[in-house]
Amino acid sequence: MELVFASNNKHKIREISQILDNKISLLSLEDVNILEEIPEDEPLIEGNAVFKARYVHKATGLNVFADDTGLEIEALNGLPGVHSARFAGEAKDSNANIAKALEMLKGKDNRKARFRTVIALIYENREYLFEGIVSGNIIDEKRGEEGFGYDPIFIPEGKVLTFAQMTLSDKNKISHRAIAFEKLKEFLQQHNKSDNKQNI
C-alpha cells in the first residue's frame, strides 16, 4: 500500500516509518513533488491536520494522512497548543519555543502538560480522524539530545526520563504520536484484510 504523509519533517518520517507496517510504502511531500509550505492557520489542531490532508489529496488524488501536534500546558491555559511549532515566531525554532515556554512557567508550581496528536486520513476519498494523548510534566531545563520540539523538557507520567533522553524505540512505545499512529496502523491493517478478501 502506498500512502502519502503530508510532511517533509525527517524526524517525524523516521518515527512513523518505525511505527507503521513495513507493507506500507510511505511517501513524503517531496516524493510527490509538493515543495511549497502548506498553511497551518486553523484555530484547532484537528483543523490543521484536516486542511493539510485535503490539500495534498486535492493535488495528488492519492491516499494521504497529515498530523498536527500540540503541547498543552495547564498553567498556561493550554498554550502553546495549536501554535506549538511557531510559539516563538515563524522560524519554528525549537530552542526559542522551549525558552519562551520555560520563561512563562517561571514561578508556577503547576507543571502539568500533555502532548496531543491528531491524524487526518483521507483513504479511498473518505476522511477519518485518530487522536493520541500523553500526559506528563514540564521540567525547568532541557535534558537529552534525542527527539525534537519540546521533547527535552517533557517527562511523561510515571517516567523519569524526558522524551529527548529516551531511545526512539522506547519513545515509540508510549508517545502521543505513537498512540495516534497505532490507531491509524490498525485501521489500515483492517482495510488491507478487507481488500485482500475481496480480491480472492
N, C-alpha and C. Protein backbone atom coordinates (compact mmCIF):
# COMPACT_ATOMS: atom_id res chain seq x y z
N MET A 1 0.84 -1.20 0.00
CA MET A 1 0.00 0.00 0.00
C MET A 1 0.88 1.25 0.00
N GLU A 2 0.52 2.21 -0.86
CA GLU A 2 1.25 3.47 -0.94
C GLU A 2 0.43 4.55 -0.24
N LEU A 3 1.10 5.32 0.60
CA LEU A 3 0.40 6.32 1.41
C LEU A 3 1.28 7.55 1.49
N VAL A 4 0.70 8.71 1.22
CA VAL A 4 1.46 9.97 1.32
C VAL A 4 1.34 10.50 2.75
N PHE A 5 2.48 10.84 3.33
CA PHE A 5 2.49 11.51 4.63
C PHE A 5 2.75 12.98 4.33
N ALA A 6 1.81 13.84 4.70
CA ALA A 6 1.88 15.27 4.35
C ALA A 6 2.93 15.98 5.22
N SER A 7 4.19 15.60 5.03
CA SER A 7 5.28 16.18 5.81
C SER A 7 6.61 15.97 5.09
N ASN A 8 7.54 16.87 5.34
CA ASN A 8 8.94 16.66 4.95
C ASN A 8 9.84 16.65 6.18
N ASN A 9 9.21 16.57 7.37
CA ASN A 9 9.97 16.55 8.62
C ASN A 9 10.63 15.17 8.77
N LYS A 10 11.94 15.13 8.60
CA LYS A 10 12.65 13.85 8.59
C LYS A 10 12.57 13.12 9.94
N HIS A 11 12.51 13.89 11.04
CA HIS A 11 12.36 13.28 12.37
C HIS A 11 11.02 12.53 12.45
N LYS A 12 9.96 13.20 12.02
CA LYS A 12 8.63 12.59 12.05
C LYS A 12 8.57 11.36 11.15
N ILE A 13 9.11 11.51 9.95
CA ILE A 13 9.06 10.41 8.98
C ILE A 13 9.79 9.18 9.52
N ARG A 14 10.92 9.42 10.18
CA ARG A 14 11.69 8.31 10.76
C ARG A 14 10.90 7.64 11.87
N GLU A 15 10.28 8.43 12.74
CA GLU A 15 9.47 7.88 13.83
C GLU A 15 8.31 7.05 13.29
N ILE A 16 7.63 7.60 12.29
CA ILE A 16 6.41 6.98 11.82
C ILE A 16 6.69 5.76 10.96
N SER A 17 7.79 5.79 10.22
CA SER A 17 8.19 4.62 9.45
C SER A 17 8.42 3.43 10.37
N GLN A 18 8.95 3.70 11.57
CA GLN A 18 9.21 2.64 12.52
C GLN A 18 7.91 2.09 13.11
N ILE A 19 6.91 2.95 13.24
CA ILE A 19 5.63 2.54 13.84
C ILE A 19 4.76 1.77 12.83
N LEU A 20 4.70 2.28 11.59
CA LEU A 20 3.78 1.70 10.61
C LEU A 20 4.30 0.37 10.06
N ASP A 21 3.38 -0.42 9.56
CA ASP A 21 3.68 -1.72 8.98
C ASP A 21 4.64 -1.54 7.79
N ASN A 22 5.61 -2.45 7.68
CA ASN A 22 6.56 -2.32 6.56
C ASN A 22 5.92 -2.65 5.20
N LYS A 23 4.65 -3.09 5.22
CA LYS A 23 3.94 -3.31 3.97
C LYS A 23 3.40 -1.99 3.41
N ILE A 24 3.52 -0.92 4.21
CA ILE A 24 3.05 0.40 3.77
C ILE A 24 4.24 1.20 3.25
N SER A 25 4.13 1.63 2.01
CA SER A 25 5.18 2.47 1.42
C SER A 25 4.85 3.93 1.70
N LEU A 26 5.69 4.55 2.52
CA LEU A 26 5.43 5.92 2.97
C LEU A 26 6.11 6.92 2.04
N LEU A 27 5.31 7.81 1.47
CA LEU A 27 5.84 8.86 0.60
C LEU A 27 5.80 10.19 1.32
N SER A 28 6.85 10.98 1.19
CA SER A 28 6.87 12.32 1.77
C SER A 28 6.31 13.32 0.75
N LEU A 29 6.12 14.56 1.18
CA LEU A 29 5.66 15.60 0.25
C LEU A 29 6.64 15.78 -0.91
N GLU A 30 7.91 15.68 -0.58
CA GLU A 30 8.94 15.82 -1.62
C GLU A 30 8.80 14.71 -2.66
N ASP A 31 8.45 13.51 -2.22
CA ASP A 31 8.29 12.37 -3.14
C ASP A 31 7.16 12.60 -4.14
N VAL A 32 6.16 13.41 -3.76
CA VAL A 32 5.02 13.67 -4.67
C VAL A 32 5.09 15.09 -5.23
N ASN A 33 6.29 15.68 -5.16
CA ASN A 33 6.56 16.99 -5.77
C ASN A 33 5.74 18.14 -5.21
N ILE A 34 5.42 18.05 -3.91
CA ILE A 34 4.81 19.21 -3.24
C ILE A 34 5.91 19.84 -2.39
N LEU A 35 6.44 20.94 -2.88
CA LEU A 35 7.60 21.55 -2.23
C LEU A 35 7.24 22.82 -1.47
N GLU A 36 6.01 23.32 -1.70
CA GLU A 36 5.61 24.54 -1.01
C GLU A 36 5.22 24.24 0.43
N GLU A 37 5.26 25.28 1.25
CA GLU A 37 4.82 25.16 2.64
C GLU A 37 3.30 25.15 2.68
N ILE A 38 2.72 24.13 3.30
CA ILE A 38 1.27 24.06 3.40
C ILE A 38 0.84 24.90 4.61
N PRO A 39 -0.11 25.81 4.43
CA PRO A 39 -0.53 26.68 5.54
C PRO A 39 -1.04 25.88 6.74
N GLU A 40 -0.74 26.40 7.94
CA GLU A 40 -1.25 25.82 9.18
C GLU A 40 -1.88 26.94 9.99
N ASP A 41 -2.98 27.47 9.47
CA ASP A 41 -3.60 28.66 10.05
C ASP A 41 -4.89 28.38 10.79
N GLU A 42 -5.25 27.11 10.92
CA GLU A 42 -6.52 26.77 11.56
C GLU A 42 -6.44 27.00 13.07
N PRO A 43 -7.57 27.28 13.73
CA PRO A 43 -7.55 27.57 15.17
C PRO A 43 -7.43 26.33 16.05
N LEU A 44 -7.62 25.14 15.48
CA LEU A 44 -7.54 23.90 16.25
C LEU A 44 -6.55 22.94 15.60
N ILE A 45 -5.98 22.06 16.43
CA ILE A 45 -5.05 21.05 15.93
C ILE A 45 -5.72 20.18 14.87
N GLU A 46 -6.98 19.78 15.14
CA GLU A 46 -7.73 18.95 14.18
C GLU A 46 -7.83 19.65 12.83
N GLY A 47 -8.10 20.95 12.88
CA GLY A 47 -8.28 21.72 11.65
C GLY A 47 -7.03 21.73 10.78
N ASN A 48 -5.88 21.90 11.42
CA ASN A 48 -4.62 21.89 10.67
C ASN A 48 -4.39 20.54 10.00
N ALA A 49 -4.64 19.46 10.73
CA ALA A 49 -4.42 18.12 10.18
C ALA A 49 -5.33 17.87 8.98
N VAL A 50 -6.60 18.23 9.12
CA VAL A 50 -7.57 18.04 8.04
C VAL A 50 -7.22 18.90 6.82
N PHE A 51 -6.85 20.16 7.07
CA PHE A 51 -6.52 21.06 5.96
C PHE A 51 -5.34 20.50 5.15
N LYS A 52 -4.29 20.05 5.86
CA LYS A 52 -3.10 19.54 5.16
C LYS A 52 -3.43 18.29 4.35
N ALA A 53 -4.23 17.39 4.95
CA ALA A 53 -4.60 16.16 4.23
C ALA A 53 -5.40 16.48 2.98
N ARG A 54 -6.36 17.38 3.10
CA ARG A 54 -7.19 17.76 1.94
C ARG A 54 -6.35 18.43 0.86
N TYR A 55 -5.41 19.27 1.28
CA TYR A 55 -4.53 19.98 0.34
C TYR A 55 -3.75 18.99 -0.53
N VAL A 56 -3.16 17.99 0.13
CA VAL A 56 -2.34 17.01 -0.58
C VAL A 56 -3.21 16.07 -1.41
N HIS A 57 -4.35 15.68 -0.88
CA HIS A 57 -5.26 14.80 -1.62
C HIS A 57 -5.75 15.48 -2.90
N LYS A 58 -6.07 16.76 -2.78
CA LYS A 58 -6.53 17.51 -3.96
C LYS A 58 -5.44 17.59 -5.02
N ALA A 59 -4.18 17.73 -4.58
CA ALA A 59 -3.06 17.87 -5.51
C ALA A 59 -2.65 16.55 -6.15
N THR A 60 -2.84 15.44 -5.43
CA THR A 60 -2.30 14.16 -5.90
C THR A 60 -3.36 13.10 -6.22
N GLY A 61 -4.51 13.19 -5.55
CA GLY A 61 -5.52 12.15 -5.71
C GLY A 61 -5.19 10.86 -4.97
N LEU A 62 -4.09 10.87 -4.23
CA LEU A 62 -3.63 9.66 -3.54
C LEU A 62 -4.20 9.57 -2.12
N ASN A 63 -4.16 8.36 -1.55
CA ASN A 63 -4.46 8.21 -0.13
C ASN A 63 -3.40 8.98 0.66
N VAL A 64 -3.83 9.76 1.64
CA VAL A 64 -2.90 10.65 2.34
C VAL A 64 -3.30 10.80 3.80
N PHE A 65 -2.29 11.02 4.64
CA PHE A 65 -2.60 11.41 6.01
C PHE A 65 -1.70 12.57 6.40
N ALA A 66 -2.22 13.37 7.32
CA ALA A 66 -1.46 14.50 7.85
C ALA A 66 -1.66 14.51 9.35
N ASP A 67 -0.68 15.02 10.06
CA ASP A 67 -0.84 15.10 11.51
C ASP A 67 -0.53 16.51 11.99
N ASP A 68 -1.06 16.82 13.14
CA ASP A 68 -0.66 18.05 13.82
C ASP A 68 -0.58 17.72 15.31
N THR A 69 0.39 18.31 15.96
CA THR A 69 0.64 18.02 17.38
C THR A 69 0.78 19.32 18.14
N GLY A 70 0.25 19.33 19.34
CA GLY A 70 0.41 20.49 20.20
C GLY A 70 0.79 20.07 21.61
N LEU A 71 1.60 20.89 22.24
CA LEU A 71 1.89 20.73 23.67
C LEU A 71 0.93 21.66 24.41
N GLU A 72 0.12 21.10 25.29
CA GLU A 72 -0.88 21.89 26.02
C GLU A 72 -0.48 21.94 27.50
N ILE A 73 -0.06 23.13 27.95
CA ILE A 73 0.43 23.30 29.31
C ILE A 73 -0.69 23.88 30.17
N GLU A 74 -1.02 23.16 31.24
CA GLU A 74 -2.18 23.51 32.06
C GLU A 74 -2.09 24.92 32.64
N ALA A 75 -0.93 25.26 33.21
CA ALA A 75 -0.78 26.57 33.86
C ALA A 75 -0.80 27.74 32.87
N LEU A 76 -0.63 27.42 31.57
CA LEU A 76 -0.67 28.45 30.53
C LEU A 76 -1.97 28.40 29.74
N ASN A 77 -3.00 27.84 30.39
CA ASN A 77 -4.33 27.75 29.76
C ASN A 77 -4.31 27.03 28.42
N GLY A 78 -3.47 26.00 28.33
CA GLY A 78 -3.42 25.18 27.12
C GLY A 78 -2.42 25.63 26.07
N LEU A 79 -1.74 26.73 26.31
CA LEU A 79 -0.67 27.15 25.39
C LEU A 79 0.52 26.21 25.53
N PRO A 80 1.34 26.09 24.49
CA PRO A 80 1.23 26.73 23.16
C PRO A 80 0.19 26.10 22.23
N GLY A 81 -0.26 24.87 22.53
CA GLY A 81 -1.35 24.27 21.78
C GLY A 81 -1.12 24.24 20.28
N VAL A 82 -2.12 24.73 19.53
CA VAL A 82 -2.04 24.70 18.08
C VAL A 82 -0.88 25.55 17.55
N HIS A 83 -0.37 26.45 18.39
CA HIS A 83 0.74 27.32 17.98
C HIS A 83 2.11 26.76 18.38
N SER A 84 2.17 25.49 18.77
CA SER A 84 3.41 24.93 19.32
C SER A 84 4.62 25.12 18.43
N ALA A 85 4.50 24.87 17.13
CA ALA A 85 5.66 24.96 16.23
C ALA A 85 6.16 26.38 16.07
N ARG A 86 5.23 27.35 16.14
CA ARG A 86 5.59 28.76 15.90
C ARG A 86 5.42 29.60 17.16
N PHE A 87 5.54 28.99 18.31
CA PHE A 87 5.28 29.67 19.58
C PHE A 87 6.14 30.92 19.74
N ALA A 88 7.40 30.83 19.34
CA ALA A 88 8.32 31.96 19.49
C ALA A 88 8.55 32.69 18.16
N GLY A 89 7.76 32.37 17.14
CA GLY A 89 7.91 33.06 15.86
C GLY A 89 7.85 32.11 14.68
N GLU A 90 7.82 32.69 13.49
CA GLU A 90 7.65 31.91 12.26
C GLU A 90 8.83 31.01 11.92
N ALA A 91 9.95 31.21 12.58
CA ALA A 91 11.15 30.42 12.27
C ALA A 91 11.03 28.97 12.71
N LYS A 92 10.03 28.65 13.51
CA LYS A 92 9.85 27.28 14.04
C LYS A 92 11.12 26.80 14.75
N ASP A 93 11.67 27.67 15.57
CA ASP A 93 12.92 27.38 16.30
C ASP A 93 12.58 26.68 17.62
N SER A 94 12.93 25.40 17.72
CA SER A 94 12.59 24.61 18.91
C SER A 94 13.20 25.19 20.17
N ASN A 95 14.45 25.62 20.09
CA ASN A 95 15.12 26.18 21.28
C ASN A 95 14.43 27.46 21.75
N ALA A 96 14.03 28.29 20.80
CA ALA A 96 13.33 29.54 21.15
C ALA A 96 11.94 29.22 21.73
N ASN A 97 11.27 28.22 21.16
CA ASN A 97 9.96 27.82 21.67
C ASN A 97 10.06 27.33 23.11
N ILE A 98 11.06 26.50 23.37
CA ILE A 98 11.27 25.97 24.72
C ILE A 98 11.58 27.10 25.69
N ALA A 99 12.46 28.01 25.26
CA ALA A 99 12.85 29.12 26.13
C ALA A 99 11.63 29.98 26.49
N LYS A 100 10.76 30.21 25.53
CA LYS A 100 9.56 31.01 25.79
C LYS A 100 8.62 30.30 26.76
N ALA A 101 8.43 29.00 26.57
CA ALA A 101 7.56 28.23 27.46
C ALA A 101 8.10 28.24 28.89
N LEU A 102 9.40 28.02 29.04
CA LEU A 102 10.00 27.99 30.37
C LEU A 102 9.93 29.36 31.05
N GLU A 103 10.10 30.40 30.26
CA GLU A 103 10.02 31.76 30.82
C GLU A 103 8.61 32.03 31.35
N MET A 104 7.60 31.61 30.59
CA MET A 104 6.22 31.83 31.00
C MET A 104 5.83 30.98 32.22
N LEU A 105 6.55 29.88 32.43
CA LEU A 105 6.27 29.00 33.56
C LEU A 105 7.02 29.37 34.84
N LYS A 106 7.92 30.36 34.74
CA LYS A 106 8.70 30.76 35.92
C LYS A 106 7.77 31.14 37.07
N GLY A 107 8.04 30.55 38.24
CA GLY A 107 7.27 30.86 39.43
C GLY A 107 5.96 30.09 39.55
N LYS A 108 5.67 29.24 38.58
CA LYS A 108 4.43 28.46 38.62
C LYS A 108 4.71 27.05 39.13
N ASP A 109 3.95 26.63 40.12
CA ASP A 109 4.13 25.29 40.70
C ASP A 109 3.51 24.21 39.83
N ASN A 110 2.43 24.53 39.16
CA ASN A 110 1.74 23.54 38.32
C ASN A 110 2.53 23.34 37.03
N ARG A 111 3.10 22.16 36.87
CA ARG A 111 3.90 21.87 35.66
C ARG A 111 3.22 20.82 34.77
N LYS A 112 1.94 20.58 35.03
CA LYS A 112 1.24 19.55 34.25
C LYS A 112 1.07 19.99 32.79
N ALA A 113 1.24 19.01 31.90
CA ALA A 113 1.08 19.29 30.48
C ALA A 113 0.71 18.00 29.77
N ARG A 114 0.28 18.14 28.54
CA ARG A 114 0.05 16.95 27.74
C ARG A 114 0.39 17.24 26.29
N PHE A 115 0.89 16.23 25.62
CA PHE A 115 1.08 16.28 24.18
C PHE A 115 -0.15 15.65 23.53
N ARG A 116 -0.65 16.30 22.48
CA ARG A 116 -1.81 15.74 21.77
C ARG A 116 -1.54 15.75 20.27
N THR A 117 -1.67 14.58 19.65
CA THR A 117 -1.52 14.44 18.21
C THR A 117 -2.86 14.06 17.60
N VAL A 118 -3.20 14.71 16.51
CA VAL A 118 -4.38 14.34 15.72
C VAL A 118 -3.92 14.02 14.30
N ILE A 119 -4.37 12.88 13.80
CA ILE A 119 -4.08 12.47 12.42
C ILE A 119 -5.36 12.55 11.61
N ALA A 120 -5.28 13.18 10.46
CA ALA A 120 -6.39 13.18 9.50
C ALA A 120 -5.98 12.30 8.33
N LEU A 121 -6.78 11.29 8.06
CA LEU A 121 -6.52 10.36 6.97
C LEU A 121 -7.61 10.52 5.91
N ILE A 122 -7.19 10.61 4.65
CA ILE A 122 -8.13 10.52 3.54
C ILE A 122 -7.79 9.23 2.81
N TYR A 123 -8.69 8.27 2.92
CA TYR A 123 -8.47 6.93 2.38
C TYR A 123 -9.66 6.55 1.53
N GLU A 124 -9.39 6.29 0.25
CA GLU A 124 -10.45 5.98 -0.70
C GLU A 124 -11.56 7.05 -0.65
N ASN A 125 -11.08 8.31 -0.60
CA ASN A 125 -11.94 9.51 -0.66
C ASN A 125 -12.84 9.71 0.56
N ARG A 126 -12.55 9.01 1.65
CA ARG A 126 -13.28 9.23 2.90
C ARG A 126 -12.31 9.73 3.96
N GLU A 127 -12.81 10.57 4.88
CA GLU A 127 -11.96 11.18 5.90
C GLU A 127 -12.14 10.49 7.26
N TYR A 128 -11.02 10.34 7.95
CA TYR A 128 -11.01 9.72 9.28
C TYR A 128 -10.08 10.51 10.18
N LEU A 129 -10.36 10.53 11.49
CA LEU A 129 -9.50 11.19 12.48
C LEU A 129 -9.06 10.19 13.54
N PHE A 130 -7.80 10.31 13.97
CA PHE A 130 -7.25 9.48 15.03
C PHE A 130 -6.51 10.39 16.00
N GLU A 131 -6.62 10.13 17.31
CA GLU A 131 -6.03 11.01 18.32
C GLU A 131 -5.14 10.21 19.28
N GLY A 132 -4.05 10.82 19.69
CA GLY A 132 -3.18 10.25 20.72
C GLY A 132 -2.81 11.31 21.73
N ILE A 133 -2.92 10.96 23.02
CA ILE A 133 -2.61 11.91 24.10
C ILE A 133 -1.67 11.24 25.10
N VAL A 134 -0.65 11.97 25.55
CA VAL A 134 0.18 11.51 26.66
C VAL A 134 0.35 12.68 27.64
N SER A 135 0.08 12.40 28.90
CA SER A 135 0.20 13.44 29.94
C SER A 135 1.56 13.34 30.62
N GLY A 136 1.97 14.46 31.22
CA GLY A 136 3.25 14.48 31.91
C GLY A 136 3.50 15.82 32.57
N ASN A 137 4.76 16.14 32.73
CA ASN A 137 5.15 17.38 33.40
C ASN A 137 6.29 18.07 32.66
N ILE A 138 6.32 19.39 32.78
CA ILE A 138 7.39 20.19 32.20
C ILE A 138 8.46 20.43 33.26
N ILE A 139 9.71 20.12 32.91
CA ILE A 139 10.81 20.40 33.84
C ILE A 139 11.39 21.78 33.51
N ASP A 140 12.31 22.26 34.34
CA ASP A 140 12.76 23.65 34.16
C ASP A 140 14.08 23.79 33.38
N GLU A 141 14.56 22.67 32.83
CA GLU A 141 15.76 22.76 31.99
C GLU A 141 15.76 21.61 30.98
N LYS A 142 16.45 21.81 29.88
CA LYS A 142 16.47 20.78 28.84
C LYS A 142 17.33 19.59 29.26
N ARG A 143 16.85 18.40 28.94
CA ARG A 143 17.63 17.18 29.18
C ARG A 143 17.48 16.25 27.99
N GLY A 144 18.61 15.79 27.47
CA GLY A 144 18.59 14.81 26.38
C GLY A 144 18.83 15.42 25.01
N GLU A 145 19.27 14.57 24.09
CA GLU A 145 19.63 15.02 22.74
C GLU A 145 18.78 14.39 21.65
N GLU A 146 17.93 13.42 22.01
CA GLU A 146 17.10 12.75 21.00
C GLU A 146 15.82 13.55 20.77
N GLY A 147 14.99 13.03 19.86
CA GLY A 147 13.69 13.64 19.63
C GLY A 147 13.79 15.02 19.00
N PHE A 148 12.73 15.80 19.16
CA PHE A 148 12.67 17.14 18.58
C PHE A 148 11.59 17.93 19.29
N GLY A 149 11.44 19.20 18.90
CA GLY A 149 10.41 20.03 19.51
C GLY A 149 10.62 20.21 21.00
N TYR A 150 9.58 19.98 21.78
CA TYR A 150 9.61 20.18 23.23
C TYR A 150 10.06 18.94 23.99
N ASP A 151 10.52 17.92 23.29
CA ASP A 151 10.90 16.66 23.93
C ASP A 151 11.89 16.82 25.10
N PRO A 152 12.86 17.76 25.02
CA PRO A 152 13.84 17.85 26.11
C PRO A 152 13.28 18.37 27.44
N ILE A 153 12.06 18.92 27.46
CA ILE A 153 11.53 19.45 28.73
C ILE A 153 10.27 18.71 29.19
N PHE A 154 9.93 17.62 28.51
CA PHE A 154 8.69 16.91 28.84
C PHE A 154 8.99 15.51 29.37
N ILE A 155 8.54 15.25 30.60
CA ILE A 155 8.66 13.90 31.19
C ILE A 155 7.26 13.30 31.27
N PRO A 156 7.02 12.18 30.57
CA PRO A 156 5.70 11.53 30.63
C PRO A 156 5.41 11.01 32.03
N GLU A 157 4.13 10.93 32.38
CA GLU A 157 3.71 10.41 33.68
C GLU A 157 4.29 9.03 33.92
N GLY A 158 4.83 8.83 35.14
CA GLY A 158 5.35 7.52 35.51
C GLY A 158 6.76 7.26 35.03
N LYS A 159 7.38 8.23 34.35
CA LYS A 159 8.74 8.06 33.84
C LYS A 159 9.69 9.05 34.52
N VAL A 160 10.98 8.78 34.41
CA VAL A 160 11.98 9.69 34.97
C VAL A 160 12.80 10.38 33.88
N LEU A 161 12.68 9.91 32.66
CA LEU A 161 13.43 10.49 31.54
C LEU A 161 12.52 11.38 30.70
N THR A 162 13.10 12.42 30.12
CA THR A 162 12.36 13.20 29.12
C THR A 162 12.28 12.38 27.83
N PHE A 163 11.38 12.79 26.94
CA PHE A 163 11.32 12.15 25.62
C PHE A 163 12.68 12.23 24.92
N ALA A 164 13.40 13.32 25.15
CA ALA A 164 14.69 13.51 24.47
C ALA A 164 15.80 12.64 25.05
N GLN A 165 15.57 12.05 26.22
CA GLN A 165 16.54 11.13 26.82
C GLN A 165 16.26 9.68 26.46
N MET A 166 15.11 9.42 25.86
CA MET A 166 14.73 8.06 25.51
C MET A 166 15.24 7.68 24.12
N THR A 167 15.43 6.38 23.91
CA THR A 167 15.70 5.93 22.55
C THR A 167 14.41 6.07 21.75
N LEU A 168 14.55 6.09 20.44
CA LEU A 168 13.37 6.22 19.59
C LEU A 168 12.40 5.07 19.82
N SER A 169 12.93 3.87 19.97
CA SER A 169 12.04 2.71 20.17
C SER A 169 11.30 2.81 21.50
N ASP A 170 11.97 3.31 22.55
CA ASP A 170 11.29 3.47 23.84
C ASP A 170 10.23 4.56 23.77
N LYS A 171 10.56 5.66 23.11
CA LYS A 171 9.60 6.75 22.95
C LYS A 171 8.37 6.27 22.18
N ASN A 172 8.61 5.46 21.15
CA ASN A 172 7.52 4.99 20.30
C ASN A 172 6.58 4.01 20.99
N LYS A 173 6.96 3.55 22.17
CA LYS A 173 6.07 2.67 22.93
C LYS A 173 5.00 3.46 23.69
N ILE A 174 5.27 4.74 23.95
CA ILE A 174 4.37 5.50 24.84
C ILE A 174 3.95 6.87 24.32
N SER A 175 4.55 7.36 23.25
CA SER A 175 4.31 8.76 22.87
C SER A 175 2.91 8.98 22.29
N HIS A 176 2.49 10.23 22.37
CA HIS A 176 1.23 10.69 21.78
C HIS A 176 1.14 10.34 20.31
N ARG A 177 2.26 10.57 19.62
CA ARG A 177 2.29 10.30 18.18
C ARG A 177 2.17 8.79 17.93
N ALA A 178 2.86 8.00 18.76
CA ALA A 178 2.79 6.55 18.60
C ALA A 178 1.37 6.04 18.84
N ILE A 179 0.69 6.59 19.85
CA ILE A 179 -0.68 6.16 20.16
C ILE A 179 -1.60 6.44 18.96
N ALA A 180 -1.50 7.65 18.42
CA ALA A 180 -2.34 8.02 17.27
C ALA A 180 -2.00 7.16 16.05
N PHE A 181 -0.72 6.93 15.83
CA PHE A 181 -0.33 6.18 14.64
C PHE A 181 -0.61 4.68 14.78
N GLU A 182 -0.63 4.17 16.00
CA GLU A 182 -1.06 2.78 16.19
C GLU A 182 -2.52 2.62 15.79
N LYS A 183 -3.33 3.63 16.10
CA LYS A 183 -4.74 3.61 15.70
C LYS A 183 -4.86 3.65 14.17
N LEU A 184 -4.04 4.49 13.54
CA LEU A 184 -4.01 4.55 12.07
C LEU A 184 -3.57 3.21 11.49
N LYS A 185 -2.51 2.64 12.07
CA LYS A 185 -1.98 1.36 11.60
C LYS A 185 -3.05 0.27 11.68
N GLU A 186 -3.76 0.22 12.80
CA GLU A 186 -4.81 -0.78 12.99
C GLU A 186 -5.91 -0.62 11.93
N PHE A 187 -6.29 0.62 11.69
CA PHE A 187 -7.31 0.90 10.67
C PHE A 187 -6.85 0.40 9.29
N LEU A 188 -5.60 0.73 8.93
CA LEU A 188 -5.09 0.34 7.61
C LEU A 188 -4.99 -1.17 7.48
N GLN A 189 -4.56 -1.85 8.57
CA GLN A 189 -4.46 -3.30 8.53
C GLN A 189 -5.83 -3.94 8.32
N GLN A 190 -6.85 -3.41 9.01
CA GLN A 190 -8.21 -3.94 8.85
C GLN A 190 -8.70 -3.75 7.41
N HIS A 191 -8.42 -2.60 6.83
CA HIS A 191 -8.86 -2.34 5.47
C HIS A 191 -8.08 -3.16 4.45
N ASN A 192 -6.80 -3.41 4.76
CA ASN A 192 -6.00 -4.28 3.91
C ASN A 192 -6.57 -5.68 3.86
N LYS A 193 -6.99 -6.18 5.05
CA LYS A 193 -7.58 -7.52 5.14
C LYS A 193 -8.86 -7.58 4.32
N SER A 194 -9.68 -6.55 4.45
CA SER A 194 -10.94 -6.50 3.70
C SER A 194 -10.69 -6.48 2.20
N ASP A 195 -9.69 -5.67 1.79
CA ASP A 195 -9.37 -5.58 0.36
C ASP A 195 -8.87 -6.91 -0.17
N ASN A 196 -8.04 -7.60 0.64
CA ASN A 196 -7.49 -8.88 0.20
C ASN A 196 -8.58 -9.94 0.04
N LYS A 197 -9.56 -9.92 0.98
CA LYS A 197 -10.67 -10.88 0.92
C LYS A 197 -11.49 -10.66 -0.35
N GLN A 198 -11.70 -9.39 -0.70
CA GLN A 198 -12.49 -9.08 -1.88
C GLN A 198 -11.78 -9.50 -3.17
N ASN A 199 -10.43 -9.54 -3.11
CA ASN A 199 -9.65 -9.88 -4.30
C ASN A 199 -9.49 -11.38 -4.49
N ILE A 200 -9.89 -12.17 -3.50
CA ILE A 200 -9.73 -13.63 -3.60
C ILE A 200 -10.79 -14.21 -4.53
